[in-house]
């Protein structure tokens, strides 16, 4: 069996058993993107328009669809500005909700370029499309799994080293404020005390302050004339636990509460398979395989299975 067939077999196996990866957005921004091109024999085009279709399913059987339009614009031969505009649909036991999701903006600078490697650094941000409490059910706030926005402004930093065979990237993401999500169990108990068993499975997220995340991407790339593939690991470590504020049933005060189990390691395997129609057009399939999951995810970002298909046009 030749090397190309071995890669294809591994990819199909990952598709069959994949459990997904997810984060607050920074592992696909700028220098931290998977499967980045590296070809010193061709003049790489620094402008592109990409459209991707994502599908994920959560532990609670929520179905998530995200359609994303992405633009990358080269400024000279050192800088690339990236903008991503996603539209999200979330469907589950408590209904289907959809709207524009959070906008990502970043600037990436190439600081080292040789025949053997590139080193890039990225500074970016995420801008919320709403306050994280737009989706409600019969006047009650829904968990973050149903929300179309994280509801926070985020700072994102990253860097990568790229060679012909390897991509190693690191990233940092920090929410700069709390969102205004209002999901807490007491509100549901008051309104419907006889039927709260389903909703109590979700972690509370009232006035959520997400913890800080760091990531490392280690990826082995395989490049052929038209096909390319990659196999990698993506550990994301939440440094501190998520912080929520639970309202009192007696008065209007808020009680700070740390969400136990929301910190620690989430580890995924990432697999991609791409095909280049020509120098301008390409298509890529990505699948994630979750190995380690956090106990709780008040931010609603946990996925049991994810996949995305992306079309890219470079000019």
C-alpha atoms as a PDB file:
ATOM      1  CA  UNK A   1       0.000   0.000   0.000  1.00  0.00           C
ATOM      2  CA  UNK A   2       1.568   3.342  -1.024  1.00  0.00           C
ATOM      3  CA  UNK A   3       1.890   6.335   1.285  1.00  0.00           C
ATOM      4  CA  UNK A   4      -1.084   8.223  -0.205  1.00  0.00           C
ATOM      5  CA  UNK A   5      -3.441   5.287   0.430  1.00  0.00           C
ATOM      6  CA  UNK A   6      -2.179   4.947   3.998  1.00  0.00           C
ATOM      7  CA  UNK A   7      -2.982   8.621   4.661  1.00  0.00           C
ATOM      8  CA  UNK A   8      -6.419   8.259   3.109  1.00  0.00           C
ATOM      9  CA  UNK A   9      -7.136   5.171   5.247  1.00  0.00           C
ATOM     10  CA  UNK A  10      -6.149   7.004   8.446  1.00  0.00           C
ATOM     11  CA  UNK A  11      -8.357   9.952   7.478  1.00  0.00           C
ATOM     12  CA  UNK A  12     -11.397   7.766   6.767  1.00  0.00           C
ATOM     13  CA  UNK A  13     -10.882   5.994  10.108  1.00  0.00           C
ATOM     14  CA  UNK A  14     -10.791   9.380  11.864  1.00  0.00           C
ATOM     15  CA  UNK A  15     -14.041  10.342  10.116  1.00  0.00           C
ATOM     16  CA  UNK A  16     -15.717   7.197  11.365  1.00  0.00           C
ATOM     17  CA  UNK A  17     -14.707   7.550  15.010  1.00  0.00           C
ATOM     18  CA  UNK A  18     -14.208  11.330  15.316  1.00  0.00           C
ATOM     19  CA  UNK A  19     -15.545  13.038  18.427  1.00  0.00           C
ATOM     20  CA  UNK A  20     -14.635  16.564  17.553  1.00  0.00           C
ATOM     21  CA  UNK A  21     -12.773  19.590  18.742  1.00  0.00           C
ATOM     22  CA  UNK A  22     -13.969  23.030  19.596  1.00  0.00           C
ATOM     23  CA  UNK A  23     -12.708  26.218  21.163  1.00  0.00           C
ATOM     24  CA  UNK A  24     -13.605  29.886  21.314  1.00  0.00           C
ATOM     25  CA  UNK A  25     -12.199  30.509  17.834  1.00  0.00           C
ATOM     26  CA  UNK A  26      -8.481  31.113  18.119  1.00  0.00           C
ATOM     27  CA  UNK A  27      -7.196  27.779  16.758  1.00  0.00           C
ATOM     28  CA  UNK A  28      -8.326  28.758  13.228  1.00  0.00           C
ATOM     29  CA  UNK A  29      -7.026  32.338  13.268  1.00  0.00           C
ATOM     30  CA  UNK A  30      -3.896  33.579  11.502  1.00  0.00           C
ATOM     31  CA  UNK A  31      -0.716  31.760  12.453  1.00  0.00           C
ATOM     32  CA  UNK A  32      -2.706  29.114  14.352  1.00  0.00           C
ATOM     33  CA  UNK A  33      -4.701  27.772  11.383  1.00  0.00           C
ATOM     34  CA  UNK A  34      -4.283  24.084  10.488  1.00  0.00           C
ATOM     35  CA  UNK A  35      -2.736  22.871   7.239  1.00  0.00           C
ATOM     36  CA  UNK A  36      -1.026  26.119   6.224  1.00  0.00           C
ATOM     37  CA  UNK A  37       0.708  26.184   2.805  1.00  0.00           C
ATOM     38  CA  UNK A  38       4.490  26.005   2.501  1.00  0.00           C
ATOM     39  CA  UNK A  39       5.891  25.951  -1.014  1.00  0.00           C
ATOM     40  CA  UNK A  40       9.087  27.835  -1.855  1.00  0.00           C
ATOM     41  CA  UNK A  41       8.895  26.786  -5.521  1.00  0.00           C
ATOM     42  CA  UNK A  42       5.681  28.714  -6.186  1.00  0.00           C
ATOM     43  CA  UNK A  43       4.712  32.318  -5.683  1.00  0.00           C
ATOM     44  CA  UNK A  44       2.074  31.871  -2.988  1.00  0.00           C
ATOM     45  CA  UNK A  45      -0.905  34.174  -3.508  1.00  0.00           C
ATOM     46  CA  UNK A  46      -1.507  36.256  -0.390  1.00  0.00           C
ATOM     47  CA  UNK A  47      -5.184  37.071  -0.979  1.00  0.00           C
ATOM     48  CA  UNK A  48      -8.002  34.591  -0.630  1.00  0.00           C
ATOM     49  CA  UNK A  49     -11.722  34.243  -0.092  1.00  0.00           C
ATOM     50  CA  UNK A  50     -12.908  31.105   1.720  1.00  0.00           C
ATOM     51  CA  UNK A  51     -16.310  29.662   2.439  1.00  0.00           C
ATOM     52  CA  UNK A  52     -16.649  26.870   4.996  1.00  0.00           C
ATOM     53  CA  UNK A  53     -19.559  24.779   6.216  1.00  0.00           C
ATOM     54  CA  UNK A  54     -19.224  23.341   9.710  1.00  0.00           C
ATOM     55  CA  UNK A  55     -21.368  20.771  11.489  1.00  0.00           C
ATOM     56  CA  UNK A  56     -21.107  19.683  15.110  1.00  0.00           C
ATOM     57  CA  UNK A  57     -23.158  17.723  17.621  1.00  0.00           C
ATOM     58  CA  UNK A  58     -22.946  18.304  21.364  1.00  0.00           C
ATOM     59  CA  UNK A  59     -23.086  16.015  24.383  1.00  0.00           C
ATOM     60  CA  UNK A  60     -26.716  17.129  24.850  1.00  0.00           C
ATOM     61  CA  UNK A  61     -27.638  16.320  21.242  1.00  0.00           C
ATOM     62  CA  UNK A  62     -27.667  19.935  20.096  1.00  0.00           C
ATOM     63  CA  UNK A  63     -26.890  20.216  16.384  1.00  0.00           C
ATOM     64  CA  UNK A  64     -24.687  23.146  15.375  1.00  0.00           C
ATOM     65  CA  UNK A  65     -24.276  24.435  11.807  1.00  0.00           C
ATOM     66  CA  UNK A  66     -21.912  27.315  11.048  1.00  0.00           C
ATOM     67  CA  UNK A  67     -21.457  28.918   7.613  1.00  0.00           C
ATOM     68  CA  UNK A  68     -18.368  31.156   7.553  1.00  0.00           C
ATOM     69  CA  UNK A  69     -17.116  33.655   4.991  1.00  0.00           C
ATOM     70  CA  UNK A  70     -13.410  34.384   5.436  1.00  0.00           C
ATOM     71  CA  UNK A  71     -11.192  36.943   3.713  1.00  0.00           C
ATOM     72  CA  UNK A  72      -7.381  37.033   3.857  1.00  0.00           C
ATOM     73  CA  UNK A  73      -5.641  40.087   2.413  1.00  0.00           C
ATOM     74  CA  UNK A  74      -1.868  40.372   2.060  1.00  0.00           C
ATOM     75  CA  UNK A  75      -0.257  43.750   2.782  1.00  0.00           C
ATOM     76  CA  UNK A  76       3.134  43.643   1.128  1.00  0.00           C
ATOM     77  CA  UNK A  77       4.923  40.325   1.634  1.00  0.00           C
ATOM     78  CA  UNK A  78       5.010  40.424   5.459  1.00  0.00           C
ATOM     79  CA  UNK A  79       1.457  41.037   6.681  1.00  0.00           C
ATOM     80  CA  UNK A  80      -1.870  39.258   6.228  1.00  0.00           C
ATOM     81  CA  UNK A  81      -5.160  40.638   7.555  1.00  0.00           C
ATOM     82  CA  UNK A  82      -7.850  38.033   8.227  1.00  0.00           C
ATOM     83  CA  UNK A  83     -11.588  38.600   8.784  1.00  0.00           C
ATOM     84  CA  UNK A  84     -14.158  35.861   9.471  1.00  0.00           C
ATOM     85  CA  UNK A  85     -17.931  36.350   9.491  1.00  0.00           C
ATOM     86  CA  UNK A  86     -19.919  33.289  10.651  1.00  0.00           C
ATOM     87  CA  UNK A  87     -23.652  32.574  10.635  1.00  0.00           C
ATOM     88  CA  UNK A  88     -24.699  30.012  13.251  1.00  0.00           C
ATOM     89  CA  UNK A  89     -27.737  27.749  13.629  1.00  0.00           C
ATOM     90  CA  UNK A  90     -28.266  25.786  16.852  1.00  0.00           C
ATOM     91  CA  UNK A  91     -31.008  23.181  17.123  1.00  0.00           C
ATOM     92  CA  UNK A  92     -31.980  21.011  20.077  1.00  0.00           C
ATOM     93  CA  UNK A  93     -34.644  19.887  22.548  1.00  0.00           C
ATOM     94  CA  UNK A  94     -35.580  23.513  23.304  1.00  0.00           C
ATOM     95  CA  UNK A  95     -35.909  24.732  19.696  1.00  0.00           C
ATOM     96  CA  UNK A  96     -33.893  26.055  16.751  1.00  0.00           C
ATOM     97  CA  UNK A  97     -32.139  29.428  16.878  1.00  0.00           C
ATOM     98  CA  UNK A  98     -30.004  31.275  14.343  1.00  0.00           C
ATOM     99  CA  UNK A  99     -28.230  34.570  13.738  1.00  0.00           C
ATOM    100  CA  UNK A 100     -24.903  36.145  12.868  1.00  0.00           C
ATOM    101  CA  UNK A 101     -22.184  34.850  15.195  1.00  0.00           C
ATOM    102  CA  UNK A 102     -18.972  36.450  16.500  1.00  0.00           C
ATOM    103  CA  UNK A 103     -16.694  38.258  14.020  1.00  0.00           C
ATOM    104  CA  UNK A 104     -12.963  37.444  14.089  1.00  0.00           C
ATOM    105  CA  UNK A 105     -10.265  39.927  13.049  1.00  0.00           C
ATOM    106  CA  UNK A 106      -6.513  39.355  13.088  1.00  0.00           C
ATOM    107  CA  UNK A 107      -3.211  40.580  11.675  1.00  0.00           C
ATOM    108  CA  UNK A 108      -0.385  38.112  11.015  1.00  0.00           C
ATOM    109  CA  UNK A 109       3.226  39.139  10.402  1.00  0.00           C
ATOM    110  CA  UNK A 110       5.958  36.963   8.926  1.00  0.00           C
ATOM    111  CA  UNK A 111       9.089  37.586  11.022  1.00  0.00           C
ATOM    112  CA  UNK A 112      11.400  34.862   9.601  1.00  0.00           C
ATOM    113  CA  UNK A 113      11.408  33.458   6.059  1.00  0.00           C
ATOM    114  CA  UNK A 114      14.042  31.047   4.790  1.00  0.00           C
ATOM    115  CA  UNK A 115      14.108  28.143   2.363  1.00  0.00           C
ATOM    116  CA  UNK A 116      13.573  25.792   5.312  1.00  0.00           C
ATOM    117  CA  UNK A 117      10.956  27.497   7.497  1.00  0.00           C
ATOM    118  CA  UNK A 118       8.592  30.396   8.145  1.00  0.00           C
ATOM    119  CA  UNK A 119       7.890  31.972  11.533  1.00  0.00           C
ATOM    120  CA  UNK A 120       4.701  34.021  11.897  1.00  0.00           C
ATOM    121  CA  UNK A 121       3.032  35.922  14.751  1.00  0.00           C
ATOM    122  CA  UNK A 122      -0.635  36.925  15.089  1.00  0.00           C
ATOM    123  CA  UNK A 123      -2.574  39.524  17.073  1.00  0.00           C
ATOM    124  CA  UNK A 124      -6.356  39.323  16.895  1.00  0.00           C
ATOM    125  CA  UNK A 125      -9.728  39.847  18.498  1.00  0.00           C
ATOM    126  CA  UNK A 126     -13.255  38.479  18.478  1.00  0.00           C
ATOM    127  CA  UNK A 127     -16.195  40.888  18.423  1.00  0.00           C
ATOM    128  CA  UNK A 128     -19.546  39.631  19.771  1.00  0.00           C
ATOM    129  CA  UNK A 129     -22.617  39.795  17.550  1.00  0.00           C
ATOM    130  CA  UNK A 130     -24.876  39.978  20.607  1.00  0.00           C
ATOM    131  CA  UNK A 131     -24.625  39.804  24.408  1.00  0.00           C
ATOM    132  CA  UNK A 132     -24.792  36.002  24.704  1.00  0.00           C
ATOM    133  CA  UNK A 133     -28.421  36.052  25.848  1.00  0.00           C
ATOM    134  CA  UNK A 134     -30.294  36.644  22.588  1.00  0.00           C
ATOM    135  CA  UNK A 135     -31.770  33.135  22.390  1.00  0.00           C
ATOM    136  CA  UNK A 136     -34.562  32.521  24.918  1.00  0.00           C
ATOM    137  CA  UNK A 137     -37.273  29.926  25.487  1.00  0.00           C
ATOM    138  CA  UNK A 138     -40.656  31.216  26.663  1.00  0.00           C
ATOM    139  CA  UNK A 139     -38.958  34.233  28.206  1.00  0.00           C
ATOM    140  CA  UNK A 140     -36.235  32.225  29.952  1.00  0.00           C
ATOM    141  CA  UNK A 141     -32.539  32.449  29.095  1.00  0.00           C
ATOM    142  CA  UNK A 142     -31.152  29.422  27.264  1.00  0.00           C
ATOM    143  CA  UNK A 143     -27.804  27.706  28.001  1.00  0.00           C
ATOM    144  CA  UNK A 144     -24.766  28.790  26.000  1.00  0.00           C
ATOM    145  CA  UNK A 145     -25.151  25.667  23.823  1.00  0.00           C
ATOM    146  CA  UNK A 146     -28.098  27.444  22.145  1.00  0.00           C
ATOM    147  CA  UNK A 147     -26.581  30.935  21.981  1.00  0.00           C
ATOM    148  CA  UNK A 148     -25.205  32.239  18.679  1.00  0.00           C
ATOM    149  CA  UNK A 149     -22.602  34.476  20.344  1.00  0.00           C
ATOM    150  CA  UNK A 150     -20.189  34.055  23.237  1.00  0.00           C
ATOM    151  CA  UNK A 151     -21.079  37.647  24.138  1.00  0.00           C
ATOM    152  CA  UNK A 152     -17.519  38.793  24.929  1.00  0.00           C
ATOM    153  CA  UNK A 153     -14.693  40.791  23.381  1.00  0.00           C
ATOM    154  CA  UNK A 154     -11.597  38.565  23.245  1.00  0.00           C
ATOM    155  CA  UNK A 155      -7.858  39.149  22.956  1.00  0.00           C
ATOM    156  CA  UNK A 156      -5.985  36.589  20.848  1.00  0.00           C
ATOM    157  CA  UNK A 157      -2.210  36.114  20.455  1.00  0.00           C
ATOM    158  CA  UNK A 158      -0.367  33.417  18.548  1.00  0.00           C
ATOM    159  CA  UNK A 159       2.738  32.269  16.716  1.00  0.00           C
ATOM    160  CA  UNK A 160       3.759  29.420  14.412  1.00  0.00           C
ATOM    161  CA  UNK A 161       6.746  27.693  12.851  1.00  0.00           C
ATOM    162  CA  UNK A 162       6.069  26.088   9.445  1.00  0.00           C
ATOM    163  CA  UNK A 163       8.337  23.750   7.479  1.00  0.00           C
ATOM    164  CA  UNK A 164       7.678  21.433   4.532  1.00  0.00           C
ATOM    165  CA  UNK A 165       6.613  18.636   6.868  1.00  0.00           C
ATOM    166  CA  UNK A 166       5.667  20.238  10.181  1.00  0.00           C
ATOM    167  CA  UNK A 167       3.506  22.973  11.662  1.00  0.00           C
ATOM    168  CA  UNK A 168       3.936  23.942  15.313  1.00  0.00           C
ATOM    169  CA  UNK A 169       1.743  26.745  16.651  1.00  0.00           C
ATOM    170  CA  UNK A 170       0.936  28.258  20.042  1.00  0.00           C
ATOM    171  CA  UNK A 171      -1.948  30.548  20.979  1.00  0.00           C
ATOM    172  CA  UNK A 172      -3.512  32.467  23.854  1.00  0.00           C
ATOM    173  CA  UNK A 173      -7.111  33.661  24.201  1.00  0.00           C
ATOM    174  CA  UNK A 174      -8.643  35.784  26.946  1.00  0.00           C
ATOM    175  CA  UNK A 175     -12.199  37.076  27.299  1.00  0.00           C
ATOM    176  CA  UNK A 176     -11.940  40.748  28.269  1.00  0.00           C
ATOM    177  CA  UNK A 177     -15.401  41.008  29.827  1.00  0.00           C
ATOM    178  CA  UNK A 178     -18.382  38.999  31.051  1.00  0.00           C
ATOM    179  CA  UNK A 179     -21.243  38.130  28.783  1.00  0.00           C
ATOM    180  CA  UNK A 180     -24.849  38.855  29.740  1.00  0.00           C
ATOM    181  CA  UNK A 181     -26.182  35.326  29.481  1.00  0.00           C
ATOM    182  CA  UNK A 182     -28.923  34.754  32.054  1.00  0.00           C
ATOM    183  CA  UNK A 183     -29.157  30.960  32.282  1.00  0.00           C
ATOM    184  CA  UNK A 184     -29.446  29.689  35.859  1.00  0.00           C
ATOM    185  CA  UNK A 185     -31.382  26.754  37.236  1.00  0.00           C
ATOM    186  CA  UNK A 186     -33.507  28.753  39.677  1.00  0.00           C
ATOM    187  CA  UNK A 187     -35.309  30.616  36.894  1.00  0.00           C
ATOM    188  CA  UNK A 188     -36.382  27.346  35.284  1.00  0.00           C
ATOM    189  CA  UNK A 189     -37.399  25.823  38.627  1.00  0.00           C
ATOM    190  CA  UNK A 190     -39.647  28.815  39.342  1.00  0.00           C
ATOM    191  CA  UNK A 191     -41.347  28.712  35.946  1.00  0.00           C
ATOM    192  CA  UNK A 192     -41.654  24.940  35.492  1.00  0.00           C
ATOM    193  CA  UNK A 193     -40.776  23.064  38.709  1.00  0.00           C
ATOM    194  CA  UNK A 194     -42.284  19.770  37.478  1.00  0.00           C
ATOM    195  CA  UNK A 195     -40.038  19.406  34.406  1.00  0.00           C
ATOM    196  CA  UNK A 196     -36.487  20.617  34.973  1.00  0.00           C
ATOM    197  CA  UNK A 197     -34.561  17.338  34.736  1.00  0.00           C
ATOM    198  CA  UNK A 198     -33.425  18.030  31.163  1.00  0.00           C
ATOM    199  CA  UNK A 199     -32.340  21.619  31.690  1.00  0.00           C
ATOM    200  CA  UNK A 200     -30.419  20.809  34.895  1.00  0.00           C
ATOM    201  CA  UNK A 201     -27.959  18.780  32.821  1.00  0.00           C
ATOM    202  CA  UNK A 202     -26.571  22.051  31.396  1.00  0.00           C
ATOM    203  CA  UNK A 203     -23.960  23.980  33.397  1.00  0.00           C
ATOM    204  CA  UNK A 204     -25.184  27.353  34.648  1.00  0.00           C
ATOM    205  CA  UNK A 205     -23.720  30.327  32.770  1.00  0.00           C
ATOM    206  CA  UNK A 206     -25.313  33.476  34.220  1.00  0.00           C
ATOM    207  CA  UNK A 207     -22.980  36.476  33.615  1.00  0.00           C
ATOM    208  CA  UNK A 208     -20.251  34.099  32.442  1.00  0.00           C
ATOM    209  CA  UNK A 209     -16.588  35.082  32.589  1.00  0.00           C
ATOM    210  CA  UNK A 210     -14.714  32.464  30.531  1.00  0.00           C
ATOM    211  CA  UNK A 211     -11.345  31.266  31.738  1.00  0.00           C
ATOM    212  CA  UNK A 212      -8.126  31.966  29.829  1.00  0.00           C
ATOM    213  CA  UNK A 213      -7.044  29.419  27.191  1.00  0.00           C
ATOM    214  CA  UNK A 214      -3.678  28.397  25.802  1.00  0.00           C
ATOM    215  CA  UNK A 215      -3.217  26.018  22.866  1.00  0.00           C
ATOM    216  CA  UNK A 216      -0.463  24.132  21.074  1.00  0.00           C
ATOM    217  CA  UNK A 217      -0.883  22.707  17.579  1.00  0.00           C
ATOM    218  CA  UNK A 218       1.545  20.025  16.404  1.00  0.00           C
ATOM    219  CA  UNK A 219       0.847  18.857  12.857  1.00  0.00           C
ATOM    220  CA  UNK A 220       2.563  16.554  10.363  1.00  0.00           C
ATOM    221  CA  UNK A 221       1.844  17.541   6.765  1.00  0.00           C
ATOM    222  CA  UNK A 222       1.924  15.363   3.637  1.00  0.00           C
ATOM    223  CA  UNK A 223       2.046  17.242   0.327  1.00  0.00           C
ATOM    224  CA  UNK A 224       1.613  15.860  -3.199  1.00  0.00           C
ATOM    225  CA  UNK A 225       1.081  17.522  -6.576  1.00  0.00           C
ATOM    226  CA  UNK A 226      -2.660  18.079  -6.079  1.00  0.00           C
ATOM    227  CA  UNK A 227      -3.510  16.358  -2.795  1.00  0.00           C
ATOM    228  CA  UNK A 228      -2.385  17.330   0.658  1.00  0.00           C
ATOM    229  CA  UNK A 229      -3.188  15.877   4.087  1.00  0.00           C
ATOM    230  CA  UNK A 230      -2.273  16.460   7.700  1.00  0.00           C
ATOM    231  CA  UNK A 231      -2.470  14.633  11.026  1.00  0.00           C
ATOM    232  CA  UNK A 232      -2.017  16.526  14.262  1.00  0.00           C
ATOM    233  CA  UNK A 233      -2.697  17.043  17.944  1.00  0.00           C
ATOM    234  CA  UNK A 234      -4.427  20.086  19.421  1.00  0.00           C
ATOM    235  CA  UNK A 235      -4.265  20.422  23.223  1.00  0.00           C
ATOM    236  CA  UNK A 236      -6.191  23.404  24.625  1.00  0.00           C
ATOM    237  CA  UNK A 237      -5.678  24.120  28.313  1.00  0.00           C
ATOM    238  CA  UNK A 238      -8.051  26.363  30.269  1.00  0.00           C
ATOM    239  CA  UNK A 239      -5.811  27.962  32.884  1.00  0.00           C
ATOM    240  CA  UNK A 240      -8.520  29.058  35.302  1.00  0.00           C
ATOM    241  CA  UNK A 241     -12.105  27.977  35.898  1.00  0.00           C
ATOM    242  CA  UNK A 242     -15.085  29.770  34.421  1.00  0.00           C
ATOM    243  CA  UNK A 243     -16.678  32.324  36.738  1.00  0.00           C
ATOM    244  CA  UNK A 244     -20.464  32.811  36.914  1.00  0.00           C
ATOM    245  CA  UNK A 245     -22.815  34.877  39.079  1.00  0.00           C
ATOM    246  CA  UNK A 246     -25.906  33.090  40.409  1.00  0.00           C
ATOM    247  CA  UNK A 247     -28.935  35.252  41.383  1.00  0.00           C
ATOM    248  CA  UNK A 248     -30.466  34.860  44.806  1.00  0.00           C
ATOM    249  CA  UNK A 249     -34.019  33.481  45.077  1.00  0.00           C
ATOM    250  CA  UNK A 250     -34.641  35.827  48.026  1.00  0.00           C
ATOM    251  CA  UNK A 251     -33.380  39.176  46.698  1.00  0.00           C
ATOM    252  CA  UNK A 252     -31.756  40.637  43.595  1.00  0.00           C
ATOM    253  CA  UNK A 253     -28.161  40.054  44.698  1.00  0.00           C
ATOM    254  CA  UNK A 254     -25.679  38.008  42.683  1.00  0.00           C
ATOM    255  CA  UNK A 255     -23.490  35.349  44.290  1.00  0.00           C
ATOM    256  CA  UNK A 256     -20.117  34.696  42.607  1.00  0.00           C
ATOM    257  CA  UNK A 257     -19.531  31.027  41.857  1.00  0.00           C
ATOM    258  CA  UNK A 258     -16.596  29.205  40.303  1.00  0.00           C
ATOM    259  CA  UNK A 259     -17.690  26.458  37.896  1.00  0.00           C
ATOM    260  CA  UNK A 260     -15.843  23.367  39.132  1.00  0.00           C
ATOM    261  CA  UNK A 261     -14.550  21.137  36.313  1.00  0.00           C
ATOM    262  CA  UNK A 262     -14.482  23.889  33.678  1.00  0.00           C
ATOM    263  CA  UNK A 263     -10.681  24.222  33.682  1.00  0.00           C
ATOM    264  CA  UNK A 264      -7.946  21.832  32.559  1.00  0.00           C
ATOM    265  CA  UNK A 265      -7.037  20.030  29.368  1.00  0.00           C
ATOM    266  CA  UNK A 266      -9.073  19.306  26.255  1.00  0.00           C
ATOM    267  CA  UNK A 267      -7.077  17.242  23.747  1.00  0.00           C
ATOM    268  CA  UNK A 268      -8.070  16.522  20.152  1.00  0.00           C
ATOM    269  CA  UNK A 269      -6.655  14.860  17.085  1.00  0.00           C
ATOM    270  CA  UNK A 270      -7.088  16.929  13.910  1.00  0.00           C
ATOM    271  CA  UNK A 271      -7.140  15.437  10.407  1.00  0.00           C
ATOM    272  CA  UNK A 272      -7.373  17.273   7.076  1.00  0.00           C
ATOM    273  CA  UNK A 273      -7.526  16.201   3.460  1.00  0.00           C
ATOM    274  CA  UNK A 274      -7.273  18.754   0.648  1.00  0.00           C
ATOM    275  CA  UNK A 275      -7.351  18.870  -3.132  1.00  0.00           C
ATOM    276  CA  UNK A 276      -6.040  21.671  -5.376  1.00  0.00           C
ATOM    277  CA  UNK A 277      -8.018  22.145  -8.587  1.00  0.00           C
ATOM    278  CA  UNK A 278      -5.407  24.655  -9.803  1.00  0.00           C
ATOM    279  CA  UNK A 279      -3.170  27.379  -8.391  1.00  0.00           C
ATOM    280  CA  UNK A 280      -6.234  29.447  -7.477  1.00  0.00           C
ATOM    281  CA  UNK A 281      -8.866  26.984  -6.209  1.00  0.00           C
ATOM    282  CA  UNK A 282      -8.808  24.278  -3.565  1.00  0.00           C
ATOM    283  CA  UNK A 283     -11.122  22.351  -1.265  1.00  0.00           C
ATOM    284  CA  UNK A 284     -10.403  20.934   2.192  1.00  0.00           C
ATOM    285  CA  UNK A 285     -12.145  18.549   4.576  1.00  0.00           C
ATOM    286  CA  UNK A 286     -11.369  18.685   8.313  1.00  0.00           C
ATOM    287  CA  UNK A 287     -12.378  16.238  11.051  1.00  0.00           C
ATOM    288  CA  UNK A 288     -11.564  16.299  14.769  1.00  0.00           C
ATOM    289  CA  UNK A 289     -11.221  13.420  17.235  1.00  0.00           C
ATOM    290  CA  UNK A 290     -11.613  14.327  20.921  1.00  0.00           C
ATOM    291  CA  UNK A 291      -9.384  12.308  23.254  1.00  0.00           C
ATOM    292  CA  UNK A 292      -9.798  14.285  26.490  1.00  0.00           C
ATOM    293  CA  UNK A 293     -12.772  16.461  27.447  1.00  0.00           C
ATOM    294  CA  UNK A 294     -13.335  18.884  30.302  1.00  0.00           C
ATOM    295  CA  UNK A 295     -15.915  17.836  32.870  1.00  0.00           C
ATOM    296  CA  UNK A 296     -18.075  20.963  32.393  1.00  0.00           C
ATOM    297  CA  UNK A 297     -18.424  23.540  29.607  1.00  0.00           C
ATOM    298  CA  UNK A 298     -20.574  26.502  30.743  1.00  0.00           C
ATOM    299  CA  UNK A 299     -19.539  28.323  27.539  1.00  0.00           C
ATOM    300  CA  UNK A 300     -21.280  25.650  25.431  1.00  0.00           C
ATOM    301  CA  UNK A 301     -18.219  24.950  23.279  1.00  0.00           C
ATOM    302  CA  UNK A 302     -17.955  21.186  23.819  1.00  0.00           C
ATOM    303  CA  UNK A 303     -18.654  19.007  20.758  1.00  0.00           C
ATOM    304  CA  UNK A 304     -18.956  15.222  20.456  1.00  0.00           C
ATOM    305  CA  UNK A 305     -18.374  15.310  16.687  1.00  0.00           C
ATOM    306  CA  UNK A 306     -17.329  18.046  14.249  1.00  0.00           C
ATOM    307  CA  UNK A 307     -16.467  18.290  10.595  1.00  0.00           C
ATOM    308  CA  UNK A 308     -16.052  21.148   8.134  1.00  0.00           C
ATOM    309  CA  UNK A 309     -15.716  21.520   4.375  1.00  0.00           C
ATOM    310  CA  UNK A 310     -13.936  24.602   2.999  1.00  0.00           C
ATOM    311  CA  UNK A 311     -13.609  26.026  -0.508  1.00  0.00           C
ATOM    312  CA  UNK A 312     -10.788  28.516  -1.022  1.00  0.00           C
ATOM    313  CA  UNK A 313     -10.101  30.857  -3.943  1.00  0.00           C
ATOM    314  CA  UNK A 314      -6.700  32.592  -4.003  1.00  0.00           C
ATOM    315  CA  UNK A 315      -5.920  35.593  -6.181  1.00  0.00           C
END
